[in-house]
Amino acid sequence: MEQTSQQHQQRFPKKHRLLRAKDFRKVYDCGLRIATPYFRAVCYDRGEGDGPRIGLAVSRKLGKAVIRNRIKRRLREAVRLELWRLAPNWDLVLQPNRSALEAPFSALREELAKVFERCNERSLG
């Protein structure tokens, strides 16, 4: 029974995804930019909300659709596992580099956790 409740908390439902162009634009225009070895993140504190929202922006420069989709799947899974670390008032857009494809999954999770912590520190300060 505990396994089921733990799995339920680690989902990545639609309400935690950034989907609309105007939401992406707001994050890009007003957000805090953070660079990591595997991706760039833009964080925007929307003040209140019922959970953090994450968007992925993968450029065609990274490769064909198969490559871009693989990068998105890896990042989406890392977000799903680390989302609990991010305060509920944040919108975040991740822009992966090509190095995200070759990076060990544990390294992606570590960098994502660091980004989430930086965002949370910003909202406290």
PDB file of N, CA and C in Angstrom:
ATOM      1  N   MET A   1       0.817  -1.193   0.000  1.00  0.00           N
ATOM      2  CA  MET A   1       0.000   0.000   0.000  1.00  0.00           C
ATOM      3  C   MET A   1       0.863   1.260   0.000  1.00  0.00           C
ATOM      4  N   GLU A   2       1.949   1.256   0.738  1.00  0.00           N
ATOM      5  CA  GLU A   2       2.842   2.409   0.778  1.00  0.00           C
ATOM      6  C   GLU A   2       3.448   2.675  -0.595  1.00  0.00           C
ATOM      7  N   GLN A   3       3.772   1.638  -1.319  1.00  0.00           N
ATOM      8  CA  GLN A   3       4.330   1.767  -2.672  1.00  0.00           C
ATOM      9  C   GLN A   3       3.387   2.571  -3.564  1.00  0.00           C
ATOM     10  N   THR A   4       2.098   2.292  -3.488  1.00  0.00           N
ATOM     11  CA  THR A   4       1.112   2.974  -4.317  1.00  0.00           C
ATOM     12  C   THR A   4       1.031   4.455  -3.976  1.00  0.00           C
ATOM     13  N   SER A   5       1.015   4.809  -2.691  1.00  0.00           N
ATOM     14  CA  SER A   5       0.924   6.217  -2.311  1.00  0.00           C
ATOM     15  C   SER A   5       2.191   6.964  -2.706  1.00  0.00           C
ATOM     16  N   GLN A   6       3.342   6.303  -2.627  1.00  0.00           N
ATOM     17  CA  GLN A   6       4.594   6.933  -3.035  1.00  0.00           C
ATOM     18  C   GLN A   6       4.589   7.167  -4.541  1.00  0.00           C
ATOM     19  N   GLN A   7       4.110   6.219  -5.318  1.00  0.00           N
ATOM     20  CA  GLN A   7       4.030   6.392  -6.762  1.00  0.00           C
ATOM     21  C   GLN A   7       3.072   7.521  -7.107  1.00  0.00           C
ATOM     22  N   HIS A   8       1.978   7.622  -6.375  1.00  0.00           N
ATOM     23  CA  HIS A   8       0.990   8.665  -6.642  1.00  0.00           C
ATOM     24  C   HIS A   8       1.608  10.053  -6.465  1.00  0.00           C
ATOM     25  N   GLN A   9       2.476  10.227  -5.481  1.00  0.00           N
ATOM     26  CA  GLN A   9       3.093  11.520  -5.221  1.00  0.00           C
ATOM     27  C   GLN A   9       4.161  11.860  -6.252  1.00  0.00           C
ATOM     28  N   GLN A  10       4.680  10.896  -6.975  1.00  0.00           N
ATOM     29  CA  GLN A  10       5.738  11.153  -7.939  1.00  0.00           C
ATOM     30  C   GLN A  10       5.224  11.262  -9.363  1.00  0.00           C
ATOM     31  N   ARG A  11       3.949  11.550  -9.529  1.00  0.00           N
ATOM     32  CA  ARG A  11       3.414  11.703 -10.874  1.00  0.00           C
ATOM     33  C   ARG A  11       3.776  13.075 -11.428  1.00  0.00           C
ATOM     34  N   PHE A  12       3.556  13.264 -12.715  1.00  0.00           N
ATOM     35  CA  PHE A  12       3.807  14.549 -13.365  1.00  0.00           C
ATOM     36  C   PHE A  12       2.547  14.931 -14.141  1.00  0.00           C
ATOM     37  N   PRO A  13       1.472  15.290 -13.411  1.00  0.00           N
ATOM     38  CA  PRO A  13       0.189  15.549 -14.067  1.00  0.00           C
ATOM     39  C   PRO A  13       0.198  16.842 -14.873  1.00  0.00           C
ATOM     40  N   LYS A  14      -0.825  17.019 -15.655  1.00  0.00           N
ATOM     41  CA  LYS A  14      -0.938  18.165 -16.550  1.00  0.00           C
ATOM     42  C   LYS A  14      -0.914  19.493 -15.791  1.00  0.00           C
ATOM     43  N   LYS A  15      -1.439  19.517 -14.579  1.00  0.00           N
ATOM     44  CA  LYS A  15      -1.462  20.772 -13.824  1.00  0.00           C
ATOM     45  C   LYS A  15      -0.055  21.232 -13.431  1.00  0.00           C
ATOM     46  N   HIS A  16       0.936  20.346 -13.523  1.00  0.00           N
ATOM     47  CA  HIS A  16       2.320  20.705 -13.223  1.00  0.00           C
ATOM     48  C   HIS A  16       3.136  20.974 -14.485  1.00  0.00           C
ATOM     49  N   ARG A  17       2.467  21.085 -15.626  1.00  0.00           N
ATOM     50  CA  ARG A  17       3.171  21.353 -16.885  1.00  0.00           C
ATOM     51  C   ARG A  17       2.850  22.759 -17.370  1.00  0.00           C
ATOM     52  N   LEU A  18       3.820  23.399 -17.933  1.00  0.00           N
ATOM     53  CA  LEU A  18       3.641  24.704 -18.562  1.00  0.00           C
ATOM     54  C   LEU A  18       3.305  24.425 -20.018  1.00  0.00           C
ATOM     55  N   LEU A  19       2.126  24.861 -20.477  1.00  0.00           N
ATOM     56  CA  LEU A  19       1.669  24.465 -21.802  1.00  0.00           C
ATOM     57  C   LEU A  19       1.386  25.639 -22.742  1.00  0.00           C
ATOM     58  N   ARG A  20       0.919  26.755 -22.216  1.00  0.00           N
ATOM     59  CA  ARG A  20       0.492  27.854 -23.077  1.00  0.00           C
ATOM     60  C   ARG A  20       1.643  28.796 -23.410  1.00  0.00           C
ATOM     61  N   ALA A  21       1.621  29.325 -24.625  1.00  0.00           N
ATOM     62  CA  ALA A  21       2.671  30.232 -25.095  1.00  0.00           C
ATOM     63  C   ALA A  21       2.773  31.469 -24.211  1.00  0.00           C
ATOM     64  N   LYS A  22       1.646  31.983 -23.739  1.00  0.00           N
ATOM     65  CA  LYS A  22       1.700  33.189 -22.908  1.00  0.00           C
ATOM     66  C   LYS A  22       2.372  32.907 -21.565  1.00  0.00           C
ATOM     67  N   ASP A  23       2.245  31.682 -21.055  1.00  0.00           N
ATOM     68  CA  ASP A  23       2.928  31.315 -19.814  1.00  0.00           C
ATOM     69  C   ASP A  23       4.437  31.215 -20.037  1.00  0.00           C
ATOM     70  N   PHE A  24       4.840  30.622 -21.157  1.00  0.00           N
ATOM     71  CA  PHE A  24       6.260  30.562 -21.503  1.00  0.00           C
ATOM     72  C   PHE A  24       6.817  31.977 -21.640  1.00  0.00           C
ATOM     73  N   ARG A  25       6.077  32.858 -22.317  1.00  0.00           N
ATOM     74  CA  ARG A  25       6.528  34.232 -22.547  1.00  0.00           C
ATOM     75  C   ARG A  25       6.727  34.961 -21.224  1.00  0.00           C
ATOM     76  N   LYS A  26       5.809  34.788 -20.284  1.00  0.00           N
ATOM     77  CA  LYS A  26       5.915  35.436 -18.973  1.00  0.00           C
ATOM     78  C   LYS A  26       7.178  34.971 -18.247  1.00  0.00           C
ATOM     79  N   VAL A  27       7.468  33.690 -18.312  1.00  0.00           N
ATOM     80  CA  VAL A  27       8.671  33.151 -17.670  1.00  0.00           C
ATOM     81  C   VAL A  27       9.917  33.738 -18.323  1.00  0.00           C
ATOM     82  N   TYR A  28       9.963  33.766 -19.662  1.00  0.00           N
ATOM     83  CA  TYR A  28      11.127  34.301 -20.369  1.00  0.00           C
ATOM     84  C   TYR A  28      11.319  35.790 -20.095  1.00  0.00           C
ATOM     85  N   ASP A  29      10.227  36.544 -20.039  1.00  0.00           N
ATOM     86  CA  ASP A  29      10.328  37.993 -19.867  1.00  0.00           C
ATOM     87  C   ASP A  29      10.716  38.403 -18.449  1.00  0.00           C
ATOM     88  N   CYS A  30      10.243  37.696 -17.453  1.00  0.00           N
ATOM     89  CA  CYS A  30      10.402  38.134 -16.059  1.00  0.00           C
ATOM     90  C   CYS A  30      11.212  37.176 -15.192  1.00  0.00           C
ATOM     91  N   GLY A  31      11.710  36.096 -15.759  1.00  0.00           N
ATOM     92  CA  GLY A  31      12.310  35.049 -14.941  1.00  0.00           C
ATOM     93  C   GLY A  31      13.786  35.210 -14.637  1.00  0.00           C
ATOM     94  N   LEU A  32      14.221  34.444 -13.667  1.00  0.00           N
ATOM     95  CA  LEU A  32      15.617  34.339 -13.260  1.00  0.00           C
ATOM     96  C   LEU A  32      16.274  33.253 -14.100  1.00  0.00           C
ATOM     97  N   ARG A  33      17.422  33.553 -14.702  1.00  0.00           N
ATOM     98  CA  ARG A  33      18.108  32.595 -15.561  1.00  0.00           C
ATOM     99  C   ARG A  33      19.219  31.881 -14.789  1.00  0.00           C
ATOM    100  N   ILE A  34      19.239  30.563 -14.928  1.00  0.00           N
ATOM    101  CA  ILE A  34      20.242  29.732 -14.263  1.00  0.00           C
ATOM    102  C   ILE A  34      20.833  28.799 -15.310  1.00  0.00           C
ATOM    103  N   ALA A  35      22.166  28.758 -15.397  1.00  0.00           N
ATOM    104  CA  ALA A  35      22.838  27.879 -16.362  1.00  0.00           C
ATOM    105  C   ALA A  35      23.474  26.706 -15.627  1.00  0.00           C
ATOM    106  N   THR A  36      23.347  25.522 -16.207  1.00  0.00           N
ATOM    107  CA  THR A  36      23.989  24.316 -15.692  1.00  0.00           C
ATOM    108  C   THR A  36      24.734  23.672 -16.864  1.00  0.00           C
ATOM    109  N   PRO A  37      25.538  22.653 -16.608  1.00  0.00           N
ATOM    110  CA  PRO A  37      26.241  22.002 -17.722  1.00  0.00           C
ATOM    111  C   PRO A  37      25.313  21.307 -18.719  1.00  0.00           C
ATOM    112  N   TYR A  38      24.093  20.959 -18.303  1.00  0.00           N
ATOM    113  CA  TYR A  38      23.213  20.165 -19.159  1.00  0.00           C
ATOM    114  C   TYR A  38      22.003  20.918 -19.696  1.00  0.00           C
ATOM    115  N   PHE A  39      21.646  22.009 -19.073  1.00  0.00           N
ATOM    116  CA  PHE A  39      20.489  22.780 -19.536  1.00  0.00           C
ATOM    117  C   PHE A  39      20.532  24.182 -18.943  1.00  0.00           C
ATOM    118  N   ARG A  40      19.740  25.054 -19.554  1.00  0.00           N
ATOM    119  CA  ARG A  40      19.497  26.375 -19.006  1.00  0.00           C
ATOM    120  C   ARG A  40      18.093  26.351 -18.414  1.00  0.00           C
ATOM    121  N   ALA A  41      17.936  27.026 -17.297  1.00  0.00           N
ATOM    122  CA  ALA A  41      16.623  27.090 -16.658  1.00  0.00           C
ATOM    123  C   ALA A  41      16.234  28.550 -16.486  1.00  0.00           C
ATOM    124  N   VAL A  42      14.969  28.830 -16.699  1.00  0.00           N
ATOM    125  CA  VAL A  42      14.428  30.157 -16.439  1.00  0.00           C
ATOM    126  C   VAL A  42      13.302  29.965 -15.433  1.00  0.00           C
ATOM    127  N   CYS A  43      13.436  30.606 -14.265  1.00  0.00           N
ATOM    128  CA  CYS A  43      12.492  30.432 -13.162  1.00  0.00           C
ATOM    129  C   CYS A  43      11.719  31.721 -12.941  1.00  0.00           C
ATOM    130  N   TYR A  44      10.421  31.595 -12.752  1.00  0.00           N
ATOM    131  CA  TYR A  44       9.568  32.757 -12.508  1.00  0.00           C
ATOM    132  C   TYR A  44       8.686  32.489 -11.297  1.00  0.00           C
ATOM    133  N   ASP A  45       8.747  33.387 -10.328  1.00  0.00           N
ATOM    134  CA  ASP A  45       7.924  33.272  -9.123  1.00  0.00           C
ATOM    135  C   ASP A  45       6.580  33.934  -9.405  1.00  0.00           C
ATOM    136  N   ARG A  46       5.535  33.129  -9.552  1.00  0.00           N
ATOM    137  CA  ARG A  46       4.228  33.693  -9.889  1.00  0.00           C
ATOM    138  C   ARG A  46       3.439  34.092  -8.654  1.00  0.00           C
ATOM    139  N   GLY A  47       4.054  33.985  -7.483  1.00  0.00           N
ATOM    140  CA  GLY A  47       3.433  34.470  -6.258  1.00  0.00           C
ATOM    141  C   GLY A  47       2.615  33.427  -5.527  1.00  0.00           C
ATOM    142  N   GLU A  48       1.695  32.818  -6.217  1.00  0.00           N
ATOM    143  CA  GLU A  48       0.872  31.787  -5.597  1.00  0.00           C
ATOM    144  C   GLU A  48       0.541  30.747  -6.646  1.00  0.00           C
ATOM    145  N   GLY A  49       0.069  29.642  -6.199  1.00  0.00           N
ATOM    146  CA  GLY A  49      -0.286  28.590  -7.139  1.00  0.00           C
ATOM    147  C   GLY A  49      -0.537  27.289  -6.418  1.00  0.00           C
ATOM    148  N   ASP A  50      -1.122  26.353  -7.142  1.00  0.00           N
ATOM    149  CA  ASP A  50      -1.420  25.061  -6.533  1.00  0.00           C
ATOM    150  C   ASP A  50      -0.389  24.021  -6.926  1.00  0.00           C
ATOM    151  N   GLY A  51       0.797  24.469  -7.240  1.00  0.00           N
ATOM    152  CA  GLY A  51       1.884  23.560  -7.558  1.00  0.00           C
ATOM    153  C   GLY A  51       2.819  24.165  -8.579  1.00  0.00           C
ATOM    154  N   PRO A  52       4.063  23.723  -8.592  1.00  0.00           N
ATOM    155  CA  PRO A  52       5.004  24.235  -9.581  1.00  0.00           C
ATOM    156  C   PRO A  52       4.623  23.762 -10.980  1.00  0.00           C
ATOM    157  N   ARG A  53       4.986  24.544 -11.989  1.00  0.00           N
ATOM    158  CA  ARG A  53       4.727  24.156 -13.375  1.00  0.00           C
ATOM    159  C   ARG A  53       6.046  24.190 -14.134  1.00  0.00           C
ATOM    160  N   ILE A  54       6.288  23.147 -14.922  1.00  0.00           N
ATOM    161  CA  ILE A  54       7.539  22.990 -15.656  1.00  0.00           C
ATOM    162  C   ILE A  54       7.238  22.899 -17.143  1.00  0.00           C
ATOM    163  N   GLY A  55       8.034  23.616 -17.945  1.00  0.00           N
ATOM    164  CA  GLY A  55       7.931  23.526 -19.397  1.00  0.00           C
ATOM    165  C   GLY A  55       9.277  23.143 -19.984  1.00  0.00           C
ATOM    166  N   LEU A  56       9.253  22.442 -21.100  1.00  0.00           N
ATOM    167  CA  LEU A  56      10.480  22.056 -21.797  1.00  0.00           C
ATOM    168  C   LEU A  56      10.511  22.744 -23.154  1.00  0.00           C
ATOM    169  N   ALA A  57      11.634  23.370 -23.468  1.00  0.00           N
ATOM    170  CA  ALA A  57      11.812  24.026 -24.761  1.00  0.00           C
ATOM    171  C   ALA A  57      13.063  23.425 -25.398  1.00  0.00           C
ATOM    172  N   VAL A  58      12.864  22.534 -26.354  1.00  0.00           N
ATOM    173  CA  VAL A  58      13.977  21.819 -26.975  1.00  0.00           C
ATOM    174  C   VAL A  58      14.142  22.317 -28.408  1.00  0.00           C
ATOM    175  N   SER A  59      15.283  22.928 -28.679  1.00  0.00           N
ATOM    176  CA  SER A  59      15.555  23.530 -29.977  1.00  0.00           C
ATOM    177  C   SER A  59      15.809  22.477 -31.054  1.00  0.00           C
ATOM    178  N   ARG A  60      15.453  22.813 -32.276  1.00  0.00           N
ATOM    179  CA  ARG A  60      15.736  21.918 -33.404  1.00  0.00           C
ATOM    180  C   ARG A  60      17.230  21.790 -33.662  1.00  0.00           C
ATOM    181  N   LYS A  61      18.005  22.721 -33.137  1.00  0.00           N
ATOM    182  CA  LYS A  61      19.459  22.666 -33.300  1.00  0.00           C
ATOM    183  C   LYS A  61      20.063  21.428 -32.625  1.00  0.00           C
ATOM    184  N   LEU A  62      19.331  20.840 -31.694  1.00  0.00           N
ATOM    185  CA  LEU A  62      19.846  19.668 -30.975  1.00  0.00           C
ATOM    186  C   LEU A  62      19.823  18.404 -31.813  1.00  0.00           C
ATOM    187  N   GLY A  63      19.028  18.397 -32.866  1.00  0.00           N
ATOM    188  CA  GLY A  63      18.987  17.215 -33.719  1.00  0.00           C
ATOM    189  C   GLY A  63      17.591  16.925 -34.210  1.00  0.00           C
ATOM    190  N   LYS A  64      17.477  15.773 -34.834  1.00  0.00           N
ATOM    191  CA  LYS A  64      16.183  15.358 -35.379  1.00  0.00           C
ATOM    192  C   LYS A  64      15.209  15.024 -34.257  1.00  0.00           C
ATOM    193  N   ALA A  65      13.965  14.789 -34.626  1.00  0.00           N
ATOM    194  CA  ALA A  65      12.895  14.581 -33.647  1.00  0.00           C
ATOM    195  C   ALA A  65      13.202  13.446 -32.672  1.00  0.00           C
ATOM    196  N   VAL A  66      13.829  12.387 -33.144  1.00  0.00           N
ATOM    197  CA  VAL A  66      14.138  11.244 -32.279  1.00  0.00           C
ATOM    198  C   VAL A  66      15.057  11.682 -31.141  1.00  0.00           C
ATOM    199  N   ILE A  67      16.063  12.475 -31.470  1.00  0.00           N
ATOM    200  CA  ILE A  67      17.014  12.976 -30.466  1.00  0.00           C
ATOM    201  C   ILE A  67      16.307  13.926 -29.496  1.00  0.00           C
ATOM    202  N   ARG A  68      15.545  14.865 -30.042  1.00  0.00           N
ATOM    203  CA  ARG A  68      14.841  15.844 -29.201  1.00  0.00           C
ATOM    204  C   ARG A  68      13.859  15.150 -28.263  1.00  0.00           C
ATOM    205  N   ASN A  69      13.153  14.160 -28.776  1.00  0.00           N
ATOM    206  CA  ASN A  69      12.189  13.441 -27.941  1.00  0.00           C
ATOM    207  C   ASN A  69      12.877  12.662 -26.822  1.00  0.00           C
ATOM    208  N   ARG A  70      14.034  12.098 -27.126  1.00  0.00           N
ATOM    209  CA  ARG A  70      14.769  11.358 -26.092  1.00  0.00           C
ATOM    210  C   ARG A  70      15.227  12.299 -24.979  1.00  0.00           C
ATOM    211  N   ILE A  71      15.728  13.469 -25.365  1.00  0.00           N
ATOM    212  CA  ILE A  71      16.139  14.457 -24.366  1.00  0.00           C
ATOM    213  C   ILE A  71      14.936  14.863 -23.508  1.00  0.00           C
ATOM    214  N   LYS A  72      13.795  15.095 -24.155  1.00  0.00           N
ATOM    215  CA  LYS A  72      12.590  15.486 -23.409  1.00  0.00           C
ATOM    216  C   LYS A  72      12.149  14.390 -22.447  1.00  0.00           C
ATOM    217  N   ARG A  73      12.204  13.142 -22.883  1.00  0.00           N
ATOM    218  CA  ARG A  73      11.812  12.034 -22.003  1.00  0.00           C
ATOM    219  C   ARG A  73      12.713  11.957 -20.775  1.00  0.00           C
ATOM    220  N   ARG A  74      14.019  12.117 -20.991  1.00  0.00           N
ATOM    221  CA  ARG A  74      14.968  12.050 -19.873  1.00  0.00           C
ATOM    222  C   ARG A  74      14.732  13.192 -18.884  1.00  0.00           C
ATOM    223  N   LEU A  75      14.549  14.393 -19.410  1.00  0.00           N
ATOM    224  CA  LEU A  75      14.311  15.533 -18.524  1.00  0.00           C
ATOM    225  C   LEU A  75      12.965  15.424 -17.811  1.00  0.00           C
ATOM    226  N   ARG A  76      11.948  14.970 -18.523  1.00  0.00           N
ATOM    227  CA  ARG A  76      10.627  14.826 -17.922  1.00  0.00           C
ATOM    228  C   ARG A  76      10.673  13.839 -16.751  1.00  0.00           C
ATOM    229  N   GLU A  77      11.405  12.755 -16.924  1.00  0.00           N
ATOM    230  CA  GLU A  77      11.525  11.768 -15.848  1.00  0.00           C
ATOM    231  C   GLU A  77      12.299  12.348 -14.665  1.00  0.00           C
ATOM    232  N   ALA A  78      13.373  13.081 -14.934  1.00  0.00           N
ATOM    233  CA  ALA A  78      14.129  13.716 -13.850  1.00  0.00           C
ATOM    234  C   ALA A  78      13.244  14.712 -13.099  1.00  0.00           C
ATOM    235  N   VAL A  79      12.458  15.482 -13.831  1.00  0.00           N
ATOM    236  CA  VAL A  79      11.537  16.433 -13.197  1.00  0.00           C
ATOM    237  C   VAL A  79      10.519  15.687 -12.347  1.00  0.00           C
ATOM    238  N   ARG A  80       9.972  14.621 -12.877  1.00  0.00           N
ATOM    239  CA  ARG A  80       8.964  13.850 -12.146  1.00  0.00           C
ATOM    240  C   ARG A  80       9.502  13.381 -10.791  1.00  0.00           C
ATOM    241  N   LEU A  81      10.755  12.947 -10.778  1.00  0.00           N
ATOM    242  CA  LEU A  81      11.346  12.422  -9.553  1.00  0.00           C
ATOM    243  C   LEU A  81      11.781  13.516  -8.578  1.00  0.00           C
ATOM    244  N   GLU A  82      12.090  14.707  -9.076  1.00  0.00           N
ATOM    245  CA  GLU A  82      12.616  15.779  -8.226  1.00  0.00           C
ATOM    246  C   GLU A  82      11.620  16.901  -7.956  1.00  0.00           C
ATOM    247  N   LEU A  83      10.442  16.852  -8.543  1.00  0.00           N
ATOM    248  CA  LEU A  83       9.486  17.958  -8.463  1.00  0.00           C
ATOM    249  C   LEU A  83       9.095  18.311  -7.030  1.00  0.00           C
ATOM    250  N   TRP A  84       9.119  17.349  -6.145  1.00  0.00           N
ATOM    251  CA  TRP A  84       8.741  17.588  -4.752  1.00  0.00           C
ATOM    252  C   TRP A  84       9.628  18.634  -4.093  1.00  0.00           C
ATOM    253  N   ARG A  85      10.826  18.861  -4.623  1.00  0.00           N
ATOM    254  CA  ARG A  85      11.761  19.827  -4.045  1.00  0.00           C
ATOM    255  C   ARG A  85      11.385  21.282  -4.340  1.00  0.00           C
ATOM    256  N   LEU A  86      10.590  21.507  -5.365  1.00  0.00           N
ATOM    257  CA  LEU A  86      10.305  22.865  -5.825  1.00  0.00           C
ATOM    258  C   LEU A  86       9.058  23.416  -5.137  1.00  0.00           C
ATOM    259  N   ALA A  87       9.164  24.655  -4.647  1.00  0.00           N
ATOM    260  CA  ALA A  87       8.026  25.319  -3.992  1.00  0.00           C
ATOM    261  C   ALA A  87       6.877  25.487  -4.986  1.00  0.00           C
ATOM    262  N   PRO A  88       5.644  25.524  -4.501  1.00  0.00           N
ATOM    263  CA  PRO A  88       4.477  25.520  -5.394  1.00  0.00           C
ATOM    264  C   PRO A  88       4.251  26.797  -6.188  1.00  0.00           C
ATOM    265  N   ASN A  89       4.995  27.853  -5.926  1.00  0.00           N
ATOM    266  CA  ASN A  89       4.748  29.127  -6.599  1.00  0.00           C
ATOM    267  C   ASN A  89       5.606  29.352  -7.843  1.00  0.00           C
ATOM    268  N   TRP A  90       6.366  28.380  -8.279  1.00  0.00           N
ATOM    269  CA  TRP A  90       7.319  28.578  -9.370  1.00  0.00           C
ATOM    270  C   TRP A  90       6.833  28.032 -10.705  1.00  0.00           C
ATOM    271  N   ASP A  91       7.118  28.807 -11.759  1.00  0.00           N
ATOM    272  CA  ASP A  91       7.040  28.336 -13.141  1.00  0.00           C
ATOM    273  C   ASP A  91       8.479  28.231 -13.620  1.00  0.00           C
ATOM    274  N   LEU A  92       8.803  27.176 -14.341  1.00  0.00           N
ATOM    275  CA  LEU A  92      10.182  26.945 -14.752  1.00  0.00           C
ATOM    276  C   LEU A  92      10.206  26.414 -16.176  1.00  0.00           C
ATOM    277  N   VAL A  93      11.098  26.965 -17.007  1.00  0.00           N
ATOM    278  CA  VAL A  93      11.294  26.456 -18.361  1.00  0.00           C
ATOM    279  C   VAL A  93      12.712  25.909 -18.442  1.00  0.00           C
ATOM    280  N   LEU A  94      12.838  24.681 -18.922  1.00  0.00           N
ATOM    281  CA  LEU A  94      14.143  24.041 -19.100  1.00  0.00           C
ATOM    282  C   LEU A  94      14.481  23.999 -20.580  1.00  0.00           C
ATOM    283  N   GLN A  95      15.695  24.443 -20.918  1.00  0.00           N
ATOM    284  CA  GLN A  95      16.192  24.418 -22.290  1.00  0.00           C
ATOM    285  C   GLN A  95      17.448  23.549 -22.313  1.00  0.00           C
ATOM    286  N   PRO A  96      17.320  22.289 -22.694  1.00  0.00           N
ATOM    287  CA  PRO A  96      18.466  21.378 -22.632  1.00  0.00           C
ATOM    288  C   PRO A  96      19.533  21.671 -23.684  1.00  0.00           C
ATOM    289  N   ASN A  97      20.782  21.332 -23.334  1.00  0.00           N
ATOM    290  CA  ASN A  97      21.910  21.345 -24.269  1.00  0.00           C
ATOM    291  C   ASN A  97      22.051  19.939 -24.837  1.00  0.00           C
ATOM    292  N   ARG A  98      22.895  19.795 -25.838  1.00  0.00           N
ATOM    293  CA  ARG A  98      23.154  18.470 -26.388  1.00  0.00           C
ATOM    294  C   ARG A  98      23.780  17.549 -25.333  1.00  0.00           C
ATOM    295  N   SER A  99      24.528  18.120 -24.403  1.00  0.00           N
ATOM    296  CA  SER A  99      25.172  17.307 -23.364  1.00  0.00           C
ATOM    297  C   SER A  99      24.152  16.587 -22.472  1.00  0.00           C
ATOM    298  N   ALA A 100      22.903  17.051 -22.450  1.00  0.00           N
ATOM    299  CA  ALA A 100      21.866  16.380 -21.653  1.00  0.00           C
ATOM    300  C   ALA A 100      21.584  14.976 -22.175  1.00  0.00           C
ATOM    301  N   LEU A 101      21.832  14.750 -23.453  1.00  0.00           N
ATOM    302  CA  LEU A 101      21.590  13.438 -24.048  1.00  0.00           C
ATOM    303  C   LEU A 101      22.602  12.404 -23.555  1.00  0.00           C
ATOM    304  N   GLU A 102      23.842  12.820 -23.411  1.00  0.00           N
ATOM    305  CA  GLU A 102      24.920  11.903 -23.027  1.00  0.00           C
ATOM    306  C   GLU A 102      25.144  11.835 -21.518  1.00  0.00           C
ATOM    307  N   ALA A 103      24.581  12.774 -20.781  1.00  0.00           N
ATOM    308  CA  ALA A 103      24.830  12.855 -19.338  1.00  0.00           C
ATOM    309  C   ALA A 103      24.230  11.664 -18.604  1.00  0.00           C
ATOM    310  N   PRO A 104      24.903  11.202 -17.552  1.00  0.00           N
ATOM    311  CA  PRO A 104      24.298  10.165 -16.714  1.00  0.00           C
ATOM    312  C   PRO A 104      23.005  10.712 -16.098  1.00  0.00           C
ATOM    313  N   PHE A 105      22.024   9.857 -15.973  1.00  0.00           N
ATOM    314  CA  PHE A 105      20.729  10.300 -15.461  1.00  0.00           C
ATOM    315  C   PHE A 105      20.859  10.879 -14.056  1.00  0.00           C
ATOM    316  N   SER A 106      21.731  10.296 -13.249  1.00  0.00           N
ATOM    317  CA  SER A 106      21.921  10.799 -11.879  1.00  0.00           C
ATOM    318  C   SER A 106      22.456  12.234 -11.891  1.00  0.00           C
ATOM    319  N   ALA A 107      23.300  12.563 -12.871  1.00  0.00           N
ATOM    320  CA  ALA A 107      23.827  13.929 -12.981  1.00  0.00           C
ATOM    321  C   ALA A 107      22.718  14.912 -13.362  1.00  0.00           C
ATOM    322  N   LEU A 108      21.822  14.485 -14.249  1.00  0.00           N
ATOM    323  CA  LEU A 108      20.679  15.338 -14.604  1.00  0.00           C
ATOM    324  C   LEU A 108      19.825  15.630 -13.372  1.00  0.00           C
ATOM    325  N   ARG A 109      19.568  14.596 -12.590  1.00  0.00           N
ATOM    326  CA  ARG A 109      18.757  14.772 -11.377  1.00  0.00           C
ATOM    327  C   ARG A 109      19.442  15.703 -10.389  1.00  0.00           C
ATOM    328  N   GLU A 110      20.759  15.555 -10.230  1.00  0.00           N
ATOM    329  CA  GLU A 110      21.510  16.419  -9.311  1.00  0.00           C
ATOM    330  C   GLU A 110      21.418  17.878  -9.724  1.00  0.00           C
ATOM    331  N   GLU A 111      21.653  18.146 -11.008  1.00  0.00           N
ATOM    332  CA  GLU A 111      21.607  19.527 -11.498  1.00  0.00           C
ATOM    333  C   GLU A 111      20.210  20.109 -11.364  1.00  0.00           C
ATOM    334  N   LEU A 112      19.209  19.309 -11.630  1.00  0.00           N
ATOM    335  CA  LEU A 112      17.831  19.765 -11.499  1.00  0.00           C
ATOM    336  C   LEU A 112      17.514  20.097 -10.038  1.00  0.00           C
ATOM    337  N   ALA A 113      17.973  19.261  -9.121  1.00  0.00           N
ATOM    338  CA  ALA A 113      17.760  19.521  -7.693  1.00  0.00           C
ATOM    339  C   ALA A 113      18.435  20.829  -7.278  1.00  0.00           C
ATOM    340  N   LYS A 114      19.638  21.092  -7.809  1.00  0.00           N
ATOM    341  CA  LYS A 114      20.337  22.345  -7.496  1.00  0.00           C
ATOM    342  C   LYS A 114      19.557  23.552  -8.008  1.00  0.00           C
ATOM    343  N   VAL A 115      19.011  23.442  -9.212  1.00  0.00           N
ATOM    344  CA  VAL A 115      18.213  24.535  -9.775  1.00  0.00           C
ATOM    345  C   VAL A 115      16.981  24.778  -8.911  1.00  0.00           C
ATOM    346  N   PHE A 116      16.309  23.709  -8.516  1.00  0.00           N
ATOM    347  CA  PHE A 116      15.120  23.849  -7.673  1.00  0.00           C
ATOM    348  C   PHE A 116      15.477  24.528  -6.352  1.00  0.00           C
ATOM    349  N   GLU A 117      16.613  24.157  -5.767  1.00  0.00           N
ATOM    350  CA  GLU A 117      17.040  24.768  -4.507  1.00  0.00           C
ATOM    351  C   GLU A 117      17.329  26.256  -4.692  1.00  0.00           C
ATOM    352  N   ARG A 118      17.979  26.617  -5.799  1.00  0.00           N
ATOM    353  CA  ARG A 118      18.252  28.043  -6.061  1.00  0.00           C
ATOM    354  C   ARG A 118      16.961  28.830  -6.205  1.00  0.00           C
ATOM    355  N   CYS A 119      15.986  28.261  -6.868  1.00  0.00           N
ATOM    356  CA  CYS A 119      14.684  28.934  -7.001  1.00  0.00           C
ATOM    357  C   CYS A 119      14.044  29.118  -5.630  1.00  0.00           C
ATOM    358  N   ASN A 120      14.059  28.076  -4.833  1.00  0.00           N
ATOM    359  CA  ASN A 120      13.448  28.151  -3.505  1.00  0.00           C
ATOM    360  C   ASN A 120      14.142  29.184  -2.625  1.00  0.00           C
ATOM    361  N   GLU A 121      15.475  29.259  -2.698  1.00  0.00           N
ATOM    362  CA  GLU A 121      16.220  30.260  -1.928  1.00  0.00           C
ATOM    363  C   GLU A 121      15.812  31.663  -2.354  1.00  0.00           C
ATOM    364  N   ARG A 122      15.606  31.835  -3.631  1.00  0.00           N
ATOM    365  CA  ARG A 122      15.218  33.145  -4.162  1.00  0.00           C
ATOM    366  C   ARG A 122      13.848  33.565  -3.618  1.00  0.00           C
ATOM    367  N   SER A 123      12.930  32.619  -3.487  1.00  0.00           N
ATOM    368  CA  SER A 123      11.591  32.975  -2.999  1.00  0.00           C
ATOM    369  C   SER A 123      11.611  33.284  -1.502  1.00  0.00           C
ATOM    370  N   LEU A 124      12.570  32.725  -0.775  1.00  0.00           N
ATOM    371  CA  LEU A 124      12.677  33.003   0.657  1.00  0.00           C
ATOM    372  C   LEU A 124      13.365  34.333   0.924  1.00  0.00           C
ATOM    373  N   GLY A 125      14.282  34.716   0.021  1.00  0.00           N
ATOM    374  CA  GLY A 125      15.102  35.908   0.246  1.00  0.00           C
ATOM    375  C   GLY A 125      14.558  37.179  -0.248  1.00  0.00           C
TER     376      GLY A 125
END
